[in-house]
Amino acid sequence: MILEHALLPVIPGREAEFEAAFAEAKAIIASMPGFVDLRLSRSIETPNAYLLLVHWESVEAHAVGFRGSPEYERWRELLHRFYEPFPVVEHFAEVARVE
């Protein structure tokens, strides 16, 4: 399993609109093969910054399966208009865990 990390810089003043669009978009990503779970958090110190964490079964499930799907086009339509600048997305493999 891998973790996708994206810091989403939403255009100031559009946070409520972004959150409403994300409420619709989350069903799209959740329906994709290889999706495990996601968490969207809003920064306390920088209220227009959001942290998106998505667990995938593999990098390919995200980078090829999701991004190459017709459903991704709808995801883009819903969310990409809110970002300035466009977010950097990275994938991480777990090396340690404490529970």
C-alpha atoms as a PDB file:
ATOM      1  CA  MET A   1       0.000   0.000   0.000  1.00  0.00           C
ATOM      2  CA  ILE A   2       1.204   3.528  -0.771  1.00  0.00           C
ATOM      3  CA  LEU A   3       0.177   6.969   0.455  1.00  0.00           C
ATOM      4  CA  GLU A   4      -0.524   9.803  -1.964  1.00  0.00           C
ATOM      5  CA  HIS A   5       0.192  13.216  -0.436  1.00  0.00           C
ATOM      6  CA  ALA A   6      -1.013  16.498  -1.927  1.00  0.00           C
ATOM      7  CA  LEU A   7      -1.014  19.942  -0.338  1.00  0.00           C
ATOM      8  CA  LEU A   8      -3.903  21.764  -2.017  1.00  0.00           C
ATOM      9  CA  PRO A   9      -3.545  25.580  -2.138  1.00  0.00           C
ATOM     10  CA  VAL A  10      -7.131  26.734  -2.649  1.00  0.00           C
ATOM     11  CA  ILE A  11      -7.665  30.266  -3.942  1.00  0.00           C
ATOM     12  CA  PRO A  12      -8.479  32.406  -0.864  1.00  0.00           C
ATOM     13  CA  GLY A  13     -12.205  33.060  -0.496  1.00  0.00           C
ATOM     14  CA  ARG A  14     -13.193  29.905  -2.397  1.00  0.00           C
ATOM     15  CA  GLU A  15     -12.806  27.424   0.472  1.00  0.00           C
ATOM     16  CA  ALA A  16     -16.538  26.758   0.964  1.00  0.00           C
ATOM     17  CA  GLU A  17     -17.037  26.242  -2.770  1.00  0.00           C
ATOM     18  CA  PHE A  18     -14.034  23.877  -2.853  1.00  0.00           C
ATOM     19  CA  GLU A  19     -15.370  21.844   0.074  1.00  0.00           C
ATOM     20  CA  ALA A  20     -18.773  21.523  -1.622  1.00  0.00           C
ATOM     21  CA  ALA A  21     -17.128  20.339  -4.853  1.00  0.00           C
ATOM     22  CA  PHE A  22     -14.945  17.902  -2.911  1.00  0.00           C
ATOM     23  CA  ALA A  23     -18.051  16.432  -1.267  1.00  0.00           C
ATOM     24  CA  GLU A  24     -19.128  15.350  -4.761  1.00  0.00           C
ATOM     25  CA  ALA A  25     -15.644  14.426  -6.001  1.00  0.00           C
ATOM     26  CA  LYS A  26     -14.846  12.065  -3.134  1.00  0.00           C
ATOM     27  CA  ALA A  27     -17.386   9.527  -4.430  1.00  0.00           C
ATOM     28  CA  ILE A  28     -15.545   9.455  -7.758  1.00  0.00           C
ATOM     29  CA  ILE A  29     -12.162   8.586  -6.281  1.00  0.00           C
ATOM     30  CA  ALA A  30     -13.685   6.142  -3.784  1.00  0.00           C
ATOM     31  CA  SER A  31     -15.168   4.123  -6.658  1.00  0.00           C
ATOM     32  CA  MET A  32     -11.793   3.534  -8.340  1.00  0.00           C
ATOM     33  CA  PRO A  33     -10.050   0.142  -8.348  1.00  0.00           C
ATOM     34  CA  GLY A  34      -7.105   0.162  -5.949  1.00  0.00           C
ATOM     35  CA  PHE A  35      -8.508   2.967  -3.765  1.00  0.00           C
ATOM     36  CA  VAL A  36      -8.226   2.199  -0.038  1.00  0.00           C
ATOM     37  CA  ASP A  37      -9.196   5.376   1.847  1.00  0.00           C
ATOM     38  CA  LEU A  38      -8.719   9.127   1.968  1.00  0.00           C
ATOM     39  CA  ARG A  39      -8.531  11.979   4.394  1.00  0.00           C
ATOM     40  CA  LEU A  40      -8.910  15.690   3.612  1.00  0.00           C
ATOM     41  CA  SER A  41      -7.778  18.124   6.316  1.00  0.00           C
ATOM     42  CA  ARG A  42      -7.813  21.918   6.434  1.00  0.00           C
ATOM     43  CA  SER A  43      -4.897  23.897   7.832  1.00  0.00           C
ATOM     44  CA  ILE A  44      -5.482  25.774  11.061  1.00  0.00           C
ATOM     45  CA  GLU A  45      -2.701  28.298  10.381  1.00  0.00           C
ATOM     46  CA  THR A  46      -3.374  28.719   6.645  1.00  0.00           C
ATOM     47  CA  PRO A  47      -7.148  28.266   6.159  1.00  0.00           C
ATOM     48  CA  ASN A  48      -6.962  28.077   2.366  1.00  0.00           C
ATOM     49  CA  ALA A  49      -4.509  25.140   2.485  1.00  0.00           C
ATOM     50  CA  TYR A  50      -5.792  21.562   2.519  1.00  0.00           C
ATOM     51  CA  LEU A  51      -3.920  18.300   2.953  1.00  0.00           C
ATOM     52  CA  LEU A  52      -5.176  15.355   0.897  1.00  0.00           C
ATOM     53  CA  LEU A  53      -3.950  11.909   1.922  1.00  0.00           C
ATOM     54  CA  VAL A  54      -5.069   8.917  -0.123  1.00  0.00           C
ATOM     55  CA  HIS A  55      -4.077   5.308   0.399  1.00  0.00           C
ATOM     56  CA  TRP A  56      -3.847   3.250  -2.779  1.00  0.00           C
ATOM     57  CA  GLU A  57      -2.997  -0.396  -3.280  1.00  0.00           C
ATOM     58  CA  SER A  58      -0.192   0.719  -5.641  1.00  0.00           C
ATOM     59  CA  VAL A  59       1.242   3.780  -7.396  1.00  0.00           C
ATOM     60  CA  GLU A  60      -0.166   2.364 -10.643  1.00  0.00           C
ATOM     61  CA  ALA A  61      -3.705   2.299  -9.202  1.00  0.00           C
ATOM     62  CA  HIS A  62      -3.436   6.062  -8.769  1.00  0.00           C
ATOM     63  CA  ALA A  63      -1.137   7.216 -11.563  1.00  0.00           C
ATOM     64  CA  VAL A  64      -2.420   4.915 -14.313  1.00  0.00           C
ATOM     65  CA  GLY A  65      -5.802   3.583 -13.177  1.00  0.00           C
ATOM     66  CA  PHE A  66      -7.367   6.714 -11.689  1.00  0.00           C
ATOM     67  CA  ARG A  67      -5.589   9.397 -13.701  1.00  0.00           C
ATOM     68  CA  GLY A  68      -6.130   7.455 -16.924  1.00  0.00           C
ATOM     69  CA  SER A  69      -9.830   6.903 -16.320  1.00  0.00           C
ATOM     70  CA  PRO A  70     -12.819   8.794 -17.735  1.00  0.00           C
ATOM     71  CA  GLU A  71     -13.858   9.467 -14.120  1.00  0.00           C
ATOM     72  CA  TYR A  72     -10.689  11.509 -13.618  1.00  0.00           C
ATOM     73  CA  GLU A  73     -11.974  14.048 -16.137  1.00  0.00           C
ATOM     74  CA  ARG A  74     -14.970  14.730 -13.879  1.00  0.00           C
ATOM     75  CA  TRP A  75     -12.631  14.970 -10.839  1.00  0.00           C
ATOM     76  CA  ARG A  76     -10.580  17.579 -12.737  1.00  0.00           C
ATOM     77  CA  GLU A  77     -13.693  19.555 -13.713  1.00  0.00           C
ATOM     78  CA  LEU A  78     -14.837  19.661 -10.103  1.00  0.00           C
ATOM     79  CA  LEU A  79     -11.570  20.500  -8.348  1.00  0.00           C
ATOM     80  CA  HIS A  80      -8.691  21.765 -10.465  1.00  0.00           C
ATOM     81  CA  ARG A  81     -10.153  25.254 -10.900  1.00  0.00           C
ATOM     82  CA  PHE A  82      -9.632  25.955  -7.192  1.00  0.00           C
ATOM     83  CA  TYR A  83      -5.841  25.555  -7.041  1.00  0.00           C
ATOM     84  CA  GLU A  84      -3.266  28.335  -7.250  1.00  0.00           C
ATOM     85  CA  PRO A  85      -0.587  27.181  -7.777  1.00  0.00           C
ATOM     86  CA  PHE A  86      -1.317  23.645  -8.914  1.00  0.00           C
ATOM     87  CA  PRO A  87      -0.472  21.117  -6.171  1.00  0.00           C
ATOM     88  CA  VAL A  88       2.515  18.805  -6.168  1.00  0.00           C
ATOM     89  CA  VAL A  89       1.514  15.167  -5.659  1.00  0.00           C
ATOM     90  CA  GLU A  90       3.930  12.624  -4.208  1.00  0.00           C
ATOM     91  CA  HIS A  91       3.710   8.957  -3.251  1.00  0.00           C
ATOM     92  CA  PHE A  92       5.142   7.487  -0.060  1.00  0.00           C
ATOM     93  CA  ALA A  93       5.857   3.958   1.165  1.00  0.00           C
ATOM     94  CA  GLU A  94       5.518   3.395   4.908  1.00  0.00           C
ATOM     95  CA  VAL A  95       8.729   2.651   6.793  1.00  0.00           C
ATOM     96  CA  ALA A  96       7.484   2.800  10.409  1.00  0.00           C
ATOM     97  CA  ARG A  97       4.217   3.005  12.340  1.00  0.00           C
ATOM     98  CA  VAL A  98       3.265   3.520  15.981  1.00  0.00           C
ATOM     99  CA  GLU A  99      -0.310   2.868  17.091  1.00  0.00           C
END
